[in-house]
C-alpha atoms as a PDB file:
ATOM      1  CA  MET A   1     -29.745  40.556  -0.293  1.00  0.00           C
ATOM      2  CA  LYS A   2     -31.251  37.637  -2.131  1.00  0.00           C
ATOM      3  CA  THR A   3     -30.566  34.280  -1.024  1.00  0.00           C
ATOM      4  CA  LEU A   4     -27.837  31.550  -2.942  1.00  0.00           C
ATOM      5  CA  ARG A   5     -31.550  29.408  -3.996  1.00  0.00           C
ATOM      6  CA  GLN A   6     -33.327  32.546  -5.726  1.00  0.00           C
ATOM      7  CA  TYR A   7     -29.956  33.727  -7.169  1.00  0.00           C
ATOM      8  CA  ILE A   8     -30.277  29.565  -8.676  1.00  0.00           C
ATOM      9  CA  LYS A   9     -33.496  30.373  -9.803  1.00  0.00           C
ATOM     10  CA  GLU A  10     -32.590  33.628 -11.598  1.00  0.00           C
ATOM     11  CA  ALA A  11     -30.015  32.440 -13.675  1.00  0.00           C
ATOM     12  CA  GLY A  12     -31.841  29.440 -14.507  1.00  0.00           C
ATOM     13  CA  GLU A  13     -34.501  32.004 -15.753  1.00  0.00           C
ATOM     14  CA  LYS A  14     -32.122  33.998 -17.831  1.00  0.00           C
ATOM     15  CA  GLY A  15     -30.225  31.035 -19.083  1.00  0.00           C
ATOM     16  CA  ILE A  16     -26.699  31.733 -17.315  1.00  0.00           C
ATOM     17  CA  ALA A  17     -25.144  30.163 -14.378  1.00  0.00           C
ATOM     18  CA  ILE A  18     -23.782  30.852 -11.243  1.00  0.00           C
ATOM     19  CA  GLY A  19     -19.762  30.300 -10.662  1.00  0.00           C
ATOM     20  CA  HIS A  20     -18.198  28.660  -8.181  1.00  0.00           C
ATOM     21  CA  PHE A  21     -14.634  28.233  -7.290  1.00  0.00           C
ATOM     22  CA  ASN A  22     -12.883  26.848  -5.024  1.00  0.00           C
ATOM     23  CA  ILE A  23     -10.370  28.011  -2.433  1.00  0.00           C
ATOM     24  CA  ALA A  24      -7.394  26.922  -0.549  1.00  0.00           C
ATOM     25  CA  ASN A  25      -5.906  30.312   0.867  1.00  0.00           C
ATOM     26  CA  LEU A  26      -6.676  33.427   1.665  1.00  0.00           C
ATOM     27  CA  GLU A  27      -5.035  34.720  -1.343  1.00  0.00           C
ATOM     28  CA  MET A  28      -7.399  32.671  -3.483  1.00  0.00           C
ATOM     29  CA  LEU A  29     -10.574  33.668  -1.700  1.00  0.00           C
ATOM     30  CA  HIS A  30      -9.267  37.719  -2.373  1.00  0.00           C
ATOM     31  CA  GLY A  31      -9.107  37.065  -6.261  1.00  0.00           C
ATOM     32  CA  ILE A  32     -12.342  35.465  -6.255  1.00  0.00           C
ATOM     33  CA  VAL A  33     -14.172  38.064  -4.542  1.00  0.00           C
ATOM     34  CA  ASN A  34     -11.962  40.842  -6.465  1.00  0.00           C
ATOM     35  CA  ALA A  35     -13.302  39.483 -10.137  1.00  0.00           C
ATOM     36  CA  ALA A  36     -16.820  39.230  -8.608  1.00  0.00           C
ATOM     37  CA  ARG A  37     -16.975  42.455  -7.292  1.00  0.00           C
ATOM     38  CA  LYS A  38     -15.570  44.006 -10.616  1.00  0.00           C
ATOM     39  CA  LEU A  39     -18.289  42.256 -12.645  1.00  0.00           C
ATOM     40  CA  ASP A  40     -20.637  42.767 -10.216  1.00  0.00           C
ATOM     41  CA  LEU A  41     -22.049  39.237 -10.161  1.00  0.00           C
ATOM     42  CA  PRO A  42     -22.739  37.099  -7.487  1.00  0.00           C
ATOM     43  CA  VAL A  43     -20.073  33.961  -6.975  1.00  0.00           C
ATOM     44  CA  VAL A  44     -20.302  30.750  -4.750  1.00  0.00           C
ATOM     45  CA  ILE A  45     -16.739  29.663  -2.838  1.00  0.00           C
ATOM     46  CA  GLY A  46     -16.599  26.127  -2.627  1.00  0.00           C
ATOM     47  CA  ALA A  47     -14.516  24.986   0.238  1.00  0.00           C
ATOM     48  CA  ALA A  48     -13.838  20.838   0.175  1.00  0.00           C
ATOM     49  CA  GLU A  49     -12.719  18.504   2.623  1.00  0.00           C
ATOM     50  CA  GLY A  50      -9.119  18.955   1.944  1.00  0.00           C
ATOM     51  CA  GLU A  51      -9.569  22.552   1.435  1.00  0.00           C
ATOM     52  CA  ARG A  52     -11.709  22.894   4.950  1.00  0.00           C
ATOM     53  CA  LYS A  53      -9.186  20.517   6.705  1.00  0.00           C
ATOM     54  CA  PHE A  54      -6.262  23.250   5.503  1.00  0.00           C
ATOM     55  CA  MET A  55      -7.786  26.460   6.447  1.00  0.00           C
ATOM     56  CA  GLY A  56     -10.522  25.369   9.150  1.00  0.00           C
ATOM     57  CA  THR A  57     -14.563  24.587   8.257  1.00  0.00           C
ATOM     58  CA  LYS A  58     -15.256  27.537  10.855  1.00  0.00           C
ATOM     59  CA  GLU A  59     -12.318  29.927  10.117  1.00  0.00           C
ATOM     60  CA  ILE A  60     -13.766  30.082   6.039  1.00  0.00           C
ATOM     61  CA  ALA A  61     -17.094  30.897   7.075  1.00  0.00           C
ATOM     62  CA  ALA A  62     -16.003  33.411   9.053  1.00  0.00           C
ATOM     63  CA  LEU A  63     -14.317  34.433   6.453  1.00  0.00           C
ATOM     64  CA  VAL A  64     -16.304  34.400   3.860  1.00  0.00           C
ATOM     65  CA  LYS A  65     -19.587  35.947   6.048  1.00  0.00           C
ATOM     66  CA  THR A  66     -17.365  39.210   7.062  1.00  0.00           C
ATOM     67  CA  MET A  67     -16.423  39.781   3.770  1.00  0.00           C
ATOM     68  CA  ARG A  68     -20.273  39.475   2.809  1.00  0.00           C
ATOM     69  CA  GLU A  69     -20.679  41.833   4.875  1.00  0.00           C
ATOM     70  CA  GLU A  70     -17.992  44.328   4.593  1.00  0.00           C
ATOM     71  CA  TYR A  71     -18.770  44.575   0.978  1.00  0.00           C
ATOM     72  CA  GLY A  72     -22.433  43.750   0.928  1.00  0.00           C
ATOM     73  CA  HIS A  73     -21.973  41.574  -2.119  1.00  0.00           C
ATOM     74  CA  PRO A  74     -23.509  38.087  -2.969  1.00  0.00           C
ATOM     75  CA  LEU A  75     -20.861  35.745  -1.895  1.00  0.00           C
ATOM     76  CA  PHE A  76     -21.759  32.002  -0.753  1.00  0.00           C
ATOM     77  CA  LEU A  77     -20.276  29.382   0.469  1.00  0.00           C
ATOM     78  CA  ASN A  78     -20.259  25.792  -0.444  1.00  0.00           C
ATOM     79  CA  ALA A  79     -18.940  22.860   1.321  1.00  0.00           C
ATOM     80  CA  ASP A  80     -18.150  20.829  -1.648  1.00  0.00           C
ATOM     81  CA  HIS A  81     -17.085  17.272  -2.190  1.00  0.00           C
ATOM     82  CA  THR A  82     -18.122  16.058   0.974  1.00  0.00           C
ATOM     83  CA  TYR A  83     -18.364  12.129   2.096  1.00  0.00           C
ATOM     84  CA  SER A  84     -19.869  11.594   5.447  1.00  0.00           C
ATOM     85  CA  PHE A  85     -23.036  12.893   6.915  1.00  0.00           C
ATOM     86  CA  GLU A  86     -21.187  13.590  10.226  1.00  0.00           C
ATOM     87  CA  LEU A  87     -19.049  16.247   8.134  1.00  0.00           C
ATOM     88  CA  VAL A  88     -21.849  17.514   5.962  1.00  0.00           C
ATOM     89  CA  LYS A  89     -23.558  17.916   9.156  1.00  0.00           C
ATOM     90  CA  GLU A  90     -20.515  19.929  10.191  1.00  0.00           C
ATOM     91  CA  CYS A  91     -20.585  22.463   7.621  1.00  0.00           C
ATOM     92  CA  ILE A  92     -24.202  22.997   8.027  1.00  0.00           C
ATOM     93  CA  ASP A  93     -23.615  23.892  11.846  1.00  0.00           C
ATOM     94  CA  ALA A  94     -20.736  25.794  10.555  1.00  0.00           C
ATOM     95  CA  GLY A  95     -23.552  27.823   8.518  1.00  0.00           C
ATOM     96  CA  TYR A  96     -22.620  27.284   4.678  1.00  0.00           C
ATOM     97  CA  ASP A  97     -24.814  28.113   2.181  1.00  0.00           C
ATOM     98  CA  SER A  98     -24.871  25.151   0.934  1.00  0.00           C
ATOM     99  CA  VAL A  99     -23.647  21.672   1.308  1.00  0.00           C
ATOM    100  CA  ILE A 100     -22.595  18.552  -1.201  1.00  0.00           C
ATOM    101  CA  PHE A 101     -22.687  14.995  -0.717  1.00  0.00           C
ATOM    102  CA  ASP A 102     -20.448  13.179  -3.060  1.00  0.00           C
ATOM    103  CA  GLY A 103     -21.636   9.639  -2.627  1.00  0.00           C
ATOM    104  CA  SER A 104     -20.919   8.862  -6.219  1.00  0.00           C
ATOM    105  CA  LYS A 105     -18.467   6.080  -5.599  1.00  0.00           C
ATOM    106  CA  LEU A 106     -21.106   4.190  -3.492  1.00  0.00           C
ATOM    107  CA  PRO A 107     -23.911   2.009  -4.628  1.00  0.00           C
ATOM    108  CA  PHE A 108     -27.251   3.747  -5.602  1.00  0.00           C
ATOM    109  CA  ASP A 109     -28.685   2.763  -2.712  1.00  0.00           C
ATOM    110  CA  GLU A 110     -26.190   3.754  -0.144  1.00  0.00           C
ATOM    111  CA  ASN A 111     -25.768   7.398  -2.097  1.00  0.00           C
ATOM    112  CA  VAL A 112     -29.688   7.403  -1.514  1.00  0.00           C
ATOM    113  CA  LYS A 113     -29.304   6.317   1.811  1.00  0.00           C
ATOM    114  CA  ILE A 114     -26.519   9.220   2.947  1.00  0.00           C
ATOM    115  CA  THR A 115     -27.439  12.091   0.498  1.00  0.00           C
ATOM    116  CA  LYS A 116     -31.142  11.890   2.283  1.00  0.00           C
ATOM    117  CA  ARG A 117     -30.078  12.042   5.620  1.00  0.00           C
ATOM    118  CA  CYS A 118     -27.780  15.562   4.732  1.00  0.00           C
ATOM    119  CA  VAL A 119     -31.381  16.640   3.259  1.00  0.00           C
ATOM    120  CA  ASP A 120     -33.420  16.074   6.197  1.00  0.00           C
ATOM    121  CA  TYR A 121     -30.779  17.331   8.601  1.00  0.00           C
ATOM    122  CA  ALA A 122     -30.503  20.543   6.466  1.00  0.00           C
ATOM    123  CA  ARG A 123     -34.593  21.048   6.570  1.00  0.00           C
ATOM    124  CA  LYS A 124     -34.313  21.040  10.028  1.00  0.00           C
ATOM    125  CA  VAL A 125     -31.320  23.792  10.948  1.00  0.00           C
ATOM    126  CA  ASN A 126     -32.723  25.964   7.502  1.00  0.00           C
ATOM    127  CA  PRO A 127     -34.463  25.012   5.198  1.00  0.00           C
ATOM    128  CA  GLU A 128     -31.878  27.969   2.953  1.00  0.00           C
ATOM    129  CA  ILE A 129     -29.180  25.472   3.122  1.00  0.00           C
ATOM    130  CA  ILE A 130     -29.023  23.837  -0.400  1.00  0.00           C
ATOM    131  CA  VAL A 131     -28.251  20.044  -0.288  1.00  0.00           C
ATOM    132  CA  GLU A 132     -26.708  18.912  -3.680  1.00  0.00           C
ATOM    133  CA  GLY A 133     -25.752  15.069  -4.707  1.00  0.00           C
ATOM    134  CA  GLU A 134     -23.911  13.661  -7.182  1.00  0.00           C
ATOM    135  CA  LEU A 135     -24.679  11.009  -9.465  1.00  0.00           C
ATOM    136  CA  GLY A 136     -22.147   9.196 -11.659  1.00  0.00           C
ATOM    137  CA  PHE A 137     -18.354   9.001 -11.089  1.00  0.00           C
ATOM    138  CA  ILE A 138     -16.527  11.839 -12.736  1.00  0.00           C
ATOM    139  CA  GLY A 139     -12.775  11.118 -10.156  1.00  0.00           C
ATOM    140  CA  SER A 140     -11.997  13.088  -7.742  1.00  0.00           C
ATOM    141  CA  GLY A 141      -8.993  15.872  -6.241  1.00  0.00           C
ATOM    142  CA  SER A 142      -7.765  18.824  -8.416  1.00  0.00           C
ATOM    143  CA  THR A 143      -5.216  17.222 -10.850  1.00  0.00           C
ATOM    144  CA  VAL A 144      -3.478  17.690 -13.953  1.00  0.00           C
ATOM    145  CA  TRP A 145      -4.208  14.047 -15.847  1.00  0.00           C
ATOM    146  CA  LYS A 146      -1.606  12.665 -18.397  1.00  0.00           C
ATOM    147  CA  GLU A 147      -5.140  10.618 -19.283  1.00  0.00           C
ATOM    148  CA  ILE A 148      -8.699  10.565 -18.102  1.00  0.00           C
ATOM    149  CA  PRO A 149      -8.295   9.171 -14.942  1.00  0.00           C
ATOM    150  CA  ALA A 150      -8.973   5.565 -13.216  1.00  0.00           C
ATOM    151  CA  GLY A 151     -12.890   4.426 -13.029  1.00  0.00           C
ATOM    152  CA  VAL A 152     -13.985   7.458 -14.847  1.00  0.00           C
ATOM    153  CA  LYS A 153     -15.599   6.297 -18.165  1.00  0.00           C
ATOM    154  CA  ILE A 154     -16.878   8.870 -20.650  1.00  0.00           C
ATOM    155  CA  THR A 155     -19.119   7.205 -23.099  1.00  0.00           C
ATOM    156  CA  GLU A 156     -22.433   7.419 -23.571  1.00  0.00           C
ATOM    157  CA  GLU A 157     -23.471   4.572 -21.790  1.00  0.00           C
ATOM    158  CA  PHE A 158     -21.423   4.948 -18.644  1.00  0.00           C
ATOM    159  CA  LEU A 159     -23.065   8.616 -17.767  1.00  0.00           C
ATOM    160  CA  THR A 160     -26.040   9.284 -15.396  1.00  0.00           C
ATOM    161  CA  LYS A 161     -29.221   8.235 -17.427  1.00  0.00           C
ATOM    162  CA  PRO A 162     -32.109  10.580 -17.242  1.00  0.00           C
ATOM    163  CA  GLU A 163     -34.493   8.153 -15.272  1.00  0.00           C
ATOM    164  CA  GLU A 164     -31.869   7.322 -12.600  1.00  0.00           C
ATOM    165  CA  ALA A 165     -31.554  11.097 -12.332  1.00  0.00           C
ATOM    166  CA  VAL A 166     -35.269  11.539 -11.587  1.00  0.00           C
ATOM    167  CA  ASP A 167     -35.283   8.338  -9.048  1.00  0.00           C
ATOM    168  CA  PHE A 168     -32.634   9.727  -7.344  1.00  0.00           C
ATOM    169  CA  ILE A 169     -33.999  13.055  -6.573  1.00  0.00           C
ATOM    170  CA  LYS A 170     -37.654  11.778  -5.637  1.00  0.00           C
ATOM    171  CA  LYS A 171     -35.845   9.287  -3.348  1.00  0.00           C
ATOM    172  CA  THR A 172     -33.885  11.814  -1.541  1.00  0.00           C
ATOM    173  CA  GLY A 173     -35.541  15.533  -2.027  1.00  0.00           C
ATOM    174  CA  VAL A 174     -32.072  17.051  -2.926  1.00  0.00           C
ATOM    175  CA  ASP A 175     -32.082  20.650  -4.547  1.00  0.00           C
ATOM    176  CA  MET A 176     -29.511  20.558  -6.931  1.00  0.00           C
ATOM    177  CA  LEU A 177     -27.817  17.508  -9.055  1.00  0.00           C
ATOM    178  CA  ALA A 178     -24.321  17.303 -10.326  1.00  0.00           C
ATOM    179  CA  PRO A 179     -24.791  14.486 -13.108  1.00  0.00           C
ATOM    180  CA  ALA A 180     -22.033  12.898 -15.291  1.00  0.00           C
ATOM    181  CA  VAL A 181     -22.028  14.076 -18.808  1.00  0.00           C
ATOM    182  CA  GLY A 182     -18.474  13.454 -19.733  1.00  0.00           C
ATOM    183  CA  ASN A 183     -17.060  15.954 -17.413  1.00  0.00           C
ATOM    184  CA  ILE A 184     -14.373  14.488 -15.022  1.00  0.00           C
ATOM    185  CA  HIS A 185     -12.752  16.202 -12.136  1.00  0.00           C
ATOM    186  CA  GLY A 186      -8.995  17.935 -12.820  1.00  0.00           C
ATOM    187  CA  MET A 187      -8.016  18.424 -16.453  1.00  0.00           C
ATOM    188  CA  LEU A 188      -5.919  16.740 -18.839  1.00  0.00           C
ATOM    189  CA  ALA A 189      -2.348  17.965 -19.591  1.00  0.00           C
ATOM    190  CA  GLY A 190      -2.687  18.524 -23.260  1.00  0.00           C
ATOM    191  CA  GLY A 191      -5.552  21.478 -21.687  1.00  0.00           C
ATOM    192  CA  LYS A 192      -8.163  20.430 -23.410  1.00  0.00           C
ATOM    193  CA  ASP A 193     -10.847  18.076 -22.441  1.00  0.00           C
ATOM    194  CA  PRO A 194     -13.314  15.377 -23.944  1.00  0.00           C
ATOM    195  CA  ALA A 195     -16.735  17.252 -24.945  1.00  0.00           C
ATOM    196  CA  LEU A 196     -19.390  17.260 -23.153  1.00  0.00           C
ATOM    197  CA  ASN A 197     -22.626  15.187 -23.525  1.00  0.00           C
ATOM    198  CA  ILE A 198     -24.904  18.372 -24.015  1.00  0.00           C
ATOM    199  CA  PRO A 199     -27.904  16.152 -25.612  1.00  0.00           C
ATOM    200  CA  ARG A 200     -27.451  13.927 -22.132  1.00  0.00           C
ATOM    201  CA  VAL A 201     -27.472  16.931 -20.438  1.00  0.00           C
ATOM    202  CA  ALA A 202     -30.849  18.129 -21.578  1.00  0.00           C
ATOM    203  CA  ALA A 203     -32.296  15.283 -20.998  1.00  0.00           C
ATOM    204  CA  ILE A 204     -31.695  14.767 -17.367  1.00  0.00           C
ATOM    205  CA  LYS A 205     -32.223  18.615 -16.855  1.00  0.00           C
ATOM    206  CA  LYS A 206     -35.667  17.532 -18.725  1.00  0.00           C
ATOM    207  CA  THR A 207     -36.980  14.852 -16.408  1.00  0.00           C
ATOM    208  CA  ALA A 208     -35.172  16.045 -13.591  1.00  0.00           C
ATOM    209  CA  ASN A 209     -36.534  19.687 -13.737  1.00  0.00           C
ATOM    210  CA  ILE A 210     -34.225  20.858 -10.778  1.00  0.00           C
ATOM    211  CA  PRO A 211     -30.953  22.839 -11.113  1.00  0.00           C
ATOM    212  CA  LEU A 212     -27.783  21.208 -12.382  1.00  0.00           C
ATOM    213  CA  VAL A 213     -24.722  21.572 -11.406  1.00  0.00           C
ATOM    214  CA  LEU A 214     -21.301  20.954 -13.804  1.00  0.00           C
ATOM    215  CA  HIS A 215     -18.588  19.646 -11.759  1.00  0.00           C
ATOM    216  CA  GLY A 216     -14.863  19.590 -13.518  1.00  0.00           C
ATOM    217  CA  ALA A 217     -15.364  22.304 -15.656  1.00  0.00           C
ATOM    218  CA  SER A 218     -11.681  23.181 -15.896  1.00  0.00           C
ATOM    219  CA  GLY A 219     -10.387  21.765 -19.054  1.00  0.00           C
ATOM    220  CA  ASN A 220     -13.384  22.121 -20.743  1.00  0.00           C
ATOM    221  CA  SER A 221     -13.806  25.141 -23.719  1.00  0.00           C
ATOM    222  CA  LYS A 222     -16.062  28.167 -23.719  1.00  0.00           C
ATOM    223  CA  GLU A 223     -18.052  26.249 -26.187  1.00  0.00           C
ATOM    224  CA  ASP A 224     -18.572  23.306 -24.443  1.00  0.00           C
ATOM    225  CA  ILE A 225     -19.317  25.449 -21.036  1.00  0.00           C
ATOM    226  CA  GLN A 226     -21.652  27.597 -22.445  1.00  0.00           C
ATOM    227  CA  ALA A 227     -23.561  24.735 -24.484  1.00  0.00           C
ATOM    228  CA  ALA A 228     -24.189  22.784 -21.468  1.00  0.00           C
ATOM    229  CA  ILE A 229     -25.419  25.786 -19.765  1.00  0.00           C
ATOM    230  CA  LYS A 230     -27.939  26.697 -22.569  1.00  0.00           C
ATOM    231  CA  ALA A 231     -29.152  22.897 -21.987  1.00  0.00           C
ATOM    232  CA  GLY A 232     -29.787  23.441 -18.193  1.00  0.00           C
ATOM    233  CA  MET A 233     -26.754  23.508 -16.397  1.00  0.00           C
ATOM    234  CA  ASN A 234     -26.908  26.460 -13.529  1.00  0.00           C
ATOM    235  CA  GLU A 235     -24.298  26.544 -11.564  1.00  0.00           C
ATOM    236  CA  VAL A 236     -19.975  25.572 -13.093  1.00  0.00           C
ATOM    237  CA  HIS A 237     -17.715  24.567 -11.119  1.00  0.00           C
ATOM    238  CA  VAL A 238     -14.161  25.448 -11.401  1.00  0.00           C
ATOM    239  CA  SER A 239     -10.986  24.692  -9.524  1.00  0.00           C
ATOM    240  CA  THR A 240      -7.726  22.733 -11.298  1.00  0.00           C
ATOM    241  CA  GLU A 241      -7.358  26.090 -13.249  1.00  0.00           C
ATOM    242  CA  ILE A 242      -7.231  28.061 -10.411  1.00  0.00           C
ATOM    243  CA  ARG A 243      -4.458  26.404  -8.480  1.00  0.00           C
ATOM    244  CA  VAL A 244      -2.344  25.975 -11.739  1.00  0.00           C
ATOM    245  CA  ALA A 245      -2.788  29.513 -12.163  1.00  0.00           C
ATOM    246  CA  PHE A 246      -1.627  30.611  -8.496  1.00  0.00           C
ATOM    247  CA  ARG A 247       0.843  27.664  -8.574  1.00  0.00           C
ATOM    248  CA  LYS A 248       2.580  29.297 -11.555  1.00  0.00           C
ATOM    249  CA  ALA A 249       2.332  32.911 -10.631  1.00  0.00           C
ATOM    250  CA  LEU A 250       4.060  32.014  -6.998  1.00  0.00           C
ATOM    251  CA  GLU A 251       6.596  30.397  -9.054  1.00  0.00           C
ATOM    252  CA  ASP A 252       7.477  33.066 -11.138  1.00  0.00           C
ATOM    253  CA  GLU A 253       7.561  35.483  -8.026  1.00  0.00           C
ATOM    254  CA  MET A 254      10.256  33.144  -6.558  1.00  0.00           C
ATOM    255  CA  LYS A 255      12.024  33.738  -9.323  1.00  0.00           C
ATOM    256  CA  ALA A 256      11.477  37.178  -9.489  1.00  0.00           C
ATOM    257  CA  LYS A 257      12.346  38.174  -6.249  1.00  0.00           C
ATOM    258  CA  PRO A 258      14.600  34.990  -4.389  1.00  0.00           C
ATOM    259  CA  ASP A 259      15.697  36.983  -1.529  1.00  0.00           C
ATOM    260  CA  GLU A 260      12.302  38.152  -0.377  1.00  0.00           C
ATOM    261  CA  VAL A 261      10.829  36.880   2.727  1.00  0.00           C
ATOM    262  CA  ALA A 262       7.941  38.536   3.593  1.00  0.00           C
ATOM    263  CA  PRO A 263       5.164  36.566   1.702  1.00  0.00           C
ATOM    264  CA  TYR A 264       3.014  39.493   0.833  1.00  0.00           C
ATOM    265  CA  LYS A 265       5.517  40.945  -1.399  1.00  0.00           C
ATOM    266  CA  TYR A 266       5.909  38.100  -3.469  1.00  0.00           C
ATOM    267  CA  MET A 267       2.201  36.624  -3.262  1.00  0.00           C
ATOM    268  CA  ASP A 268       0.353  39.969  -4.891  1.00  0.00           C
ATOM    269  CA  GLY A 269       0.826  38.171  -8.187  1.00  0.00           C
ATOM    270  CA  ASP A 270      -1.004  35.212  -7.231  1.00  0.00           C
ATOM    271  CA  ILE A 271      -4.163  37.061  -6.334  1.00  0.00           C
ATOM    272  CA  ALA A 272      -3.861  38.691  -9.865  1.00  0.00           C
ATOM    273  CA  ALA A 273      -3.315  35.521 -11.560  1.00  0.00           C
ATOM    274  CA  VAL A 274      -6.636  34.166  -9.590  1.00  0.00           C
ATOM    275  CA  GLU A 275      -8.553  36.978 -10.193  1.00  0.00           C
ATOM    276  CA  ALA A 276      -7.784  36.761 -14.262  1.00  0.00           C
ATOM    277  CA  VAL A 277      -8.710  33.225 -14.435  1.00  0.00           C
ATOM    278  CA  VAL A 278     -12.509  33.664 -12.385  1.00  0.00           C
ATOM    279  CA  THR A 279     -12.832  36.975 -14.301  1.00  0.00           C
ATOM    280  CA  GLU A 280     -12.799  34.939 -17.506  1.00  0.00           C
ATOM    281  CA  LYS A 281     -14.825  32.001 -16.128  1.00  0.00           C
ATOM    282  CA  LEU A 282     -17.584  34.232 -15.138  1.00  0.00           C
ATOM    283  CA  LYS A 283     -17.582  36.205 -18.571  1.00  0.00           C
ATOM    284  CA  ILE A 284     -18.044  32.930 -20.330  1.00  0.00           C
ATOM    285  CA  PHE A 285     -20.878  31.996 -17.538  1.00  0.00           C
ATOM    286  CA  ASN A 286     -22.659  34.810 -17.944  1.00  0.00           C
ATOM    287  CA  PHE A 287     -22.148  35.584 -21.750  1.00  0.00           C
ATOM    288  CA  LEU A 288     -20.446  38.457 -21.506  1.00  0.00           C
ATOM    289  CA  PRO A 289     -17.900  40.197 -23.731  1.00  0.00           C
END
């Protein structure tokens, strides 16, 4: 089986993007894997700090590894938004395929310092592990916002600048970069987030010359996402839309089966709801009908 690094390289050559979807329980994992297998596409399973604390860092790694081996399907595991070297190290040691140190809230020099430390450690353990850095604050958490979250500024002067991206990459050695290009974590309650700055994506890609990652794609339109991929995004993250679909399906099931106490009898709809969202997104990322 090809490595995640190889799949990302191929995605860039084909002008498509790898889908990255977060899990918080086994049902979400099944929904993502079902969609990936039916479309015969590689997929990245994301687990951020809160999700790892809930499910277990090593337990998630064991689940994904087991399913990858059972199905012979390219399923990869990423330590999403991680805010310390110690927790990045924990995920590298647990066998994750990729890790993200999110220093987007930190001063530039501090972000560089910790990101480089993560890169150096990953290279010692396994050179195939992908290390992603983040430059430019786009908020945090999978929240349905009434308005753009505090601290997030999406006007052009506040977005990641191409020259900053190049400097960051040279100083850290990261394999992939998640820039701020008008994207926000979570999604707006109105159902549609502000448009992405596609020219900025293209400018960063031209100067950075490494794979770029679009975080916070929940709420972005199909047209915006595909334009961002064409401009240079090689991986796209979706979490909030999955969580919203999961919760709605669970509420519907509980209303329909008020007396049912066996979880597996009222959670099958949740798996189907997650699968539907992931299927839709994977088709968008791969320009499929």
